[in-house]
Amino acid sequence: MTGQLAPGTRVRVRLDWPETRGPCHIRTPYYVRGQEGVIHRALGRFRNPEKLAFARPAEELALYHVRFDLRRIWPEADADLLVELFESWLEAA
C-alpha cells in the first residue's frame, strides 16, 4: 500500500517471513503477521529502518498506529493492541 491511509481503514499485515531468506532487520512483530487491524492514526513518513540497519539507501515510508482486537491473537486477552507498522507491511483487508 502506498499513500496516506485514513483512520478506520481496515488492513492486513503481510504474512511474510523475510528472516527465512537471510539476514534482515524486522520491526513487525511475528504475532501480528497475517492479522487484520484498523488504522488508528498516521504518524508521518520515515526512512525505512529495515534498510537503514544494513546501511542501504532507504526510501521514506508512512508509519501508522494499527489497532488489533487482541482476542483474535490471544483469546484469553481482554483488550486492544496498538502496534506501529510501516506501510510496506500493510495490504488491503
Protein backbone atom coordinates (compact mmCIF):
# COMPACT_ATOMS: atom_id res chain seq x y z
CA MET A 1 0.00 0.00 0.00
CA THR A 2 1.21 3.47 -0.68
CA GLY A 3 -0.13 6.86 0.20
CA GLN A 4 -1.95 8.14 3.24
CA LEU A 5 -4.33 5.65 4.84
CA ALA A 6 -7.21 7.21 6.73
CA PRO A 7 -8.11 6.27 10.29
CA GLY A 8 -10.68 3.47 10.24
CA THR A 9 -9.22 1.79 7.13
CA ARG A 10 -9.10 -2.00 7.54
CA VAL A 11 -5.73 -3.51 6.71
CA ARG A 12 -3.99 -6.86 6.91
CA VAL A 13 -0.36 -7.30 7.91
CA ARG A 14 1.51 -9.22 5.23
CA LEU A 15 2.06 -12.85 6.13
CA ASP A 16 5.76 -12.84 5.27
CA TRP A 17 8.87 -14.24 6.95
CA PRO A 18 11.89 -12.41 5.45
CA GLU A 19 14.09 -13.79 8.22
CA THR A 20 13.88 -17.19 6.49
CA ARG A 21 15.59 -15.71 3.42
CA GLY A 22 18.72 -14.46 5.13
CA PRO A 23 19.95 -11.69 7.42
CA CYS A 24 17.40 -8.95 7.92
CA HIS A 25 16.09 -6.39 10.37
CA ILE A 26 12.36 -6.53 11.01
CA ARG A 27 10.25 -4.19 13.13
CA THR A 28 7.00 -6.08 12.55
CA PRO A 29 6.11 -8.46 15.38
CA TYR A 30 5.55 -12.04 14.25
CA TYR A 31 2.25 -12.30 16.18
CA VAL A 32 0.52 -9.66 14.01
CA ARG A 33 1.66 -11.07 10.65
CA GLY A 34 -1.42 -12.21 8.73
CA GLN A 35 -3.75 -10.44 11.19
CA GLU A 36 -6.37 -7.84 10.30
CA GLY A 37 -6.39 -4.50 12.03
CA VAL A 38 -7.65 -0.94 11.65
CA ILE A 39 -5.60 2.18 11.01
CA HIS A 40 -5.78 4.23 14.19
CA ARG A 41 -3.51 7.14 13.23
CA ALA A 42 -0.88 8.15 10.66
CA LEU A 43 2.42 9.02 12.35
CA GLY A 44 4.30 10.56 9.42
CA ARG A 45 6.92 9.39 6.96
CA PHE A 46 10.28 7.96 8.00
CA ARG A 47 13.21 6.28 6.30
CA ASN A 48 12.82 2.52 6.15
CA PRO A 49 14.66 1.09 9.20
CA GLU A 50 14.79 -2.37 7.63
CA LYS A 51 17.21 -0.95 5.06
CA LEU A 52 18.95 1.57 7.31
CA ALA A 53 20.03 -1.29 9.59
CA PHE A 54 22.29 -2.51 6.77
CA ALA A 55 23.41 0.96 5.60
CA ARG A 56 21.36 0.61 2.40
CA PRO A 57 19.59 3.50 0.69
CA ALA A 58 16.23 3.79 2.43
CA GLU A 59 13.07 5.26 0.98
CA GLU A 60 10.60 7.10 3.16
CA LEU A 61 7.57 5.08 4.21
CA ALA A 62 4.40 6.03 6.01
CA LEU A 63 4.22 4.77 9.59
CA TYR A 64 0.89 4.00 11.24
CA HIS A 65 -0.59 3.03 14.56
CA VAL A 66 -2.67 -0.04 13.74
CA ARG A 67 -5.20 -1.29 16.27
CA PHE A 68 -5.85 -5.03 16.61
CA ASP A 69 -8.51 -6.88 18.58
CA LEU A 70 -6.15 -8.73 20.90
CA ARG A 71 -8.70 -11.52 21.44
CA ARG A 72 -8.12 -12.62 17.82
CA ILE A 73 -4.42 -13.12 18.60
CA TRP A 74 -4.66 -14.29 22.23
CA PRO A 75 -8.23 -15.47 23.00
CA GLU A 76 -7.78 -15.04 26.77
CA ALA A 77 -6.94 -11.33 26.37
CA ASP A 78 -9.45 -8.59 27.02
CA ALA A 79 -8.02 -5.53 25.30
CA ASP A 80 -6.92 -4.00 22.05
CA LEU A 81 -3.34 -3.87 20.85
CA LEU A 82 -1.77 -0.82 19.19
CA VAL A 83 1.30 -1.51 17.00
CA GLU A 84 3.45 0.85 14.90
CA LEU A 85 3.71 -0.59 11.39
CA PHE A 86 5.26 0.72 8.20
CA GLU A 87 3.15 0.81 5.04
CA SER A 88 5.37 -1.79 3.35
CA TRP A 89 3.91 -4.40 5.71
CA LEU A 90 0.26 -3.48 5.11
CA GLU A 91 -2.21 -4.65 2.47
CA ALA A 92 -5.92 -4.12 1.93
CA ALA A 93 -8.10 -6.29 4.17
